[in-house]
Amino acid sequence: MQNCDFAFSNGGTTMLELLSLGKAVHVYPQNNAERIFSQYVLDLGGIISNQPNKIEIPSYRFLNKVCLTAFSLVDCKGKYRIIKRLK
């Protein structure tokens, strides 16, 4: 994951891992929850697309913009919030 310019993933935890690394992602949602979540992230500018039948190789300028947005969307502190909530 670390060495790719962009990736293909479903809209679940692998997508979140890629976003936390600041990677641009084409998302292939496998269910309605992934479709809704990936659309939310797409609206924020954090992924390339979530349309399986619309694949285009993006320009590096666009990739860089999406990568910066993706990285800013995930703070990697989810486990701390979960532990706090459980306590």
C-alpha atoms as a PDB file:
ATOM      1  CA  MET A   1       0.000   0.000   0.000  1.00  0.00           C
ATOM      2  CA  GLN A   2       2.725   2.441   0.925  1.00  0.00           C
ATOM      3  CA  ASN A   3       4.414   2.289  -2.484  1.00  0.00           C
ATOM      4  CA  CYS A   4       1.386   2.755  -4.761  1.00  0.00           C
ATOM      5  CA  ASP A   5       0.397   5.995  -6.464  1.00  0.00           C
ATOM      6  CA  PHE A   6      -3.282   5.058  -6.289  1.00  0.00           C
ATOM      7  CA  ALA A   7      -5.267   1.952  -5.435  1.00  0.00           C
ATOM      8  CA  PHE A   8      -8.490   0.032  -6.061  1.00  0.00           C
ATOM      9  CA  SER A   9     -10.513  -1.057  -3.028  1.00  0.00           C
ATOM     10  CA  ASN A  10     -14.006  -1.627  -1.721  1.00  0.00           C
ATOM     11  CA  GLY A  11     -15.458   0.987   0.615  1.00  0.00           C
ATOM     12  CA  GLY A  12     -14.467  -0.655   3.899  1.00  0.00           C
ATOM     13  CA  THR A  13     -11.451  -0.843   6.169  1.00  0.00           C
ATOM     14  CA  THR A  14      -8.929  -1.251   3.351  1.00  0.00           C
ATOM     15  CA  MET A  15     -10.140   2.049   1.934  1.00  0.00           C
ATOM     16  CA  LEU A  16      -9.639   3.646   5.360  1.00  0.00           C
ATOM     17  CA  GLU A  17      -6.124   2.198   5.611  1.00  0.00           C
ATOM     18  CA  LEU A  18      -5.260   3.650   2.212  1.00  0.00           C
ATOM     19  CA  LEU A  19      -6.719   7.039   3.186  1.00  0.00           C
ATOM     20  CA  SER A  20      -4.671   7.050   6.402  1.00  0.00           C
ATOM     21  CA  LEU A  21      -1.561   6.567   4.241  1.00  0.00           C
ATOM     22  CA  GLY A  22      -2.637   9.476   2.048  1.00  0.00           C
ATOM     23  CA  LYS A  23      -3.363   7.356  -1.013  1.00  0.00           C
ATOM     24  CA  ALA A  24      -5.900   8.117  -3.718  1.00  0.00           C
ATOM     25  CA  VAL A  25      -8.411   5.307  -4.166  1.00  0.00           C
ATOM     26  CA  HIS A  26     -10.846   4.118  -6.822  1.00  0.00           C
ATOM     27  CA  VAL A  27     -13.613   2.502  -4.743  1.00  0.00           C
ATOM     28  CA  TYR A  28     -15.737  -0.482  -5.800  1.00  0.00           C
ATOM     29  CA  PRO A  29     -18.550  -0.598  -3.224  1.00  0.00           C
ATOM     30  CA  GLN A  30     -19.787  -4.136  -2.560  1.00  0.00           C
ATOM     31  CA  ASN A  31     -22.912  -3.223  -0.607  1.00  0.00           C
ATOM     32  CA  ASN A  32     -25.147  -0.273   0.178  1.00  0.00           C
ATOM     33  CA  ALA A  33     -23.225   0.732   3.331  1.00  0.00           C
ATOM     34  CA  GLU A  34     -19.954   0.931   1.362  1.00  0.00           C
ATOM     35  CA  ARG A  35     -21.708   2.862  -1.402  1.00  0.00           C
ATOM     36  CA  ILE A  36     -23.063   5.435   1.087  1.00  0.00           C
ATOM     37  CA  PHE A  37     -19.763   5.749   2.973  1.00  0.00           C
ATOM     38  CA  SER A  38     -17.642   6.023  -0.165  1.00  0.00           C
ATOM     39  CA  GLN A  39     -20.025   8.639  -1.582  1.00  0.00           C
ATOM     40  CA  TYR A  40     -19.538  10.679   1.604  1.00  0.00           C
ATOM     41  CA  VAL A  41     -15.745  10.461   1.247  1.00  0.00           C
ATOM     42  CA  LEU A  42     -16.005  11.248  -2.485  1.00  0.00           C
ATOM     43  CA  ASP A  43     -18.072  14.357  -1.701  1.00  0.00           C
ATOM     44  CA  LEU A  44     -15.263  15.468   0.637  1.00  0.00           C
ATOM     45  CA  GLY A  45     -12.700  14.917  -2.165  1.00  0.00           C
ATOM     46  CA  GLY A  46     -10.941  12.008  -0.430  1.00  0.00           C
ATOM     47  CA  ILE A  47     -11.224   9.352  -3.146  1.00  0.00           C
ATOM     48  CA  ILE A  48     -10.924   9.309  -6.934  1.00  0.00           C
ATOM     49  CA  SER A  49     -14.323   7.761  -7.669  1.00  0.00           C
ATOM     50  CA  ASN A  50     -16.810   5.148  -6.518  1.00  0.00           C
ATOM     51  CA  GLN A  51     -18.173   4.233  -9.942  1.00  0.00           C
ATOM     52  CA  PRO A  52     -16.986   0.724 -10.935  1.00  0.00           C
ATOM     53  CA  ASN A  53     -17.874   1.274 -14.594  1.00  0.00           C
ATOM     54  CA  LYS A  54     -16.078   4.641 -14.822  1.00  0.00           C
ATOM     55  CA  ILE A  55     -12.339   4.048 -14.537  1.00  0.00           C
ATOM     56  CA  GLU A  56      -9.986   6.773 -15.670  1.00  0.00           C
ATOM     57  CA  ILE A  57      -6.309   7.145 -14.899  1.00  0.00           C
ATOM     58  CA  PRO A  58      -6.128  10.501 -13.118  1.00  0.00           C
ATOM     59  CA  SER A  59      -3.464  13.127 -13.659  1.00  0.00           C
ATOM     60  CA  TYR A  60      -0.743  13.466 -11.020  1.00  0.00           C
ATOM     61  CA  ARG A  61      -2.081  16.916 -10.190  1.00  0.00           C
ATOM     62  CA  PHE A  62      -5.491  15.428  -9.356  1.00  0.00           C
ATOM     63  CA  LEU A  63      -3.892  12.490  -7.512  1.00  0.00           C
ATOM     64  CA  ASN A  64      -1.877  14.845  -5.321  1.00  0.00           C
ATOM     65  CA  LYS A  65      -4.980  16.839  -4.436  1.00  0.00           C
ATOM     66  CA  VAL A  66      -6.935  13.686  -3.528  1.00  0.00           C
ATOM     67  CA  CYS A  67      -3.976  12.276  -1.545  1.00  0.00           C
ATOM     68  CA  LEU A  68      -3.697  15.396   0.592  1.00  0.00           C
ATOM     69  CA  THR A  69      -7.428  15.404   1.266  1.00  0.00           C
ATOM     70  CA  ALA A  70      -7.460  11.661   2.021  1.00  0.00           C
ATOM     71  CA  PHE A  71      -4.636  12.020   4.530  1.00  0.00           C
ATOM     72  CA  SER A  72      -6.435  14.880   6.281  1.00  0.00           C
ATOM     73  CA  LEU A  73      -9.678  12.880   6.663  1.00  0.00           C
ATOM     74  CA  VAL A  74      -8.272  10.097   8.860  1.00  0.00           C
ATOM     75  CA  ASP A  75      -6.708  11.056  12.182  1.00  0.00           C
ATOM     76  CA  CYS A  76      -5.698   7.458  13.136  1.00  0.00           C
ATOM     77  CA  LYS A  77      -7.056   7.932  16.667  1.00  0.00           C
ATOM     78  CA  GLY A  78     -10.149   5.774  16.277  1.00  0.00           C
ATOM     79  CA  LYS A  79      -8.895   3.093  18.681  1.00  0.00           C
ATOM     80  CA  TYR A  80      -8.496   5.718  21.407  1.00  0.00           C
ATOM     81  CA  ARG A  81     -12.053   6.940  20.913  1.00  0.00           C
ATOM     82  CA  ILE A  82     -13.351   3.356  21.016  1.00  0.00           C
ATOM     83  CA  ILE A  83     -11.436   2.568  24.239  1.00  0.00           C
ATOM     84  CA  LYS A  84     -12.653   5.795  25.832  1.00  0.00           C
ATOM     85  CA  ARG A  85     -16.226   4.980  24.837  1.00  0.00           C
ATOM     86  CA  LEU A  86     -15.926   1.440  26.273  1.00  0.00           C
ATOM     87  CA  LYS A  87     -14.605   2.754  29.574  1.00  0.00           C
END
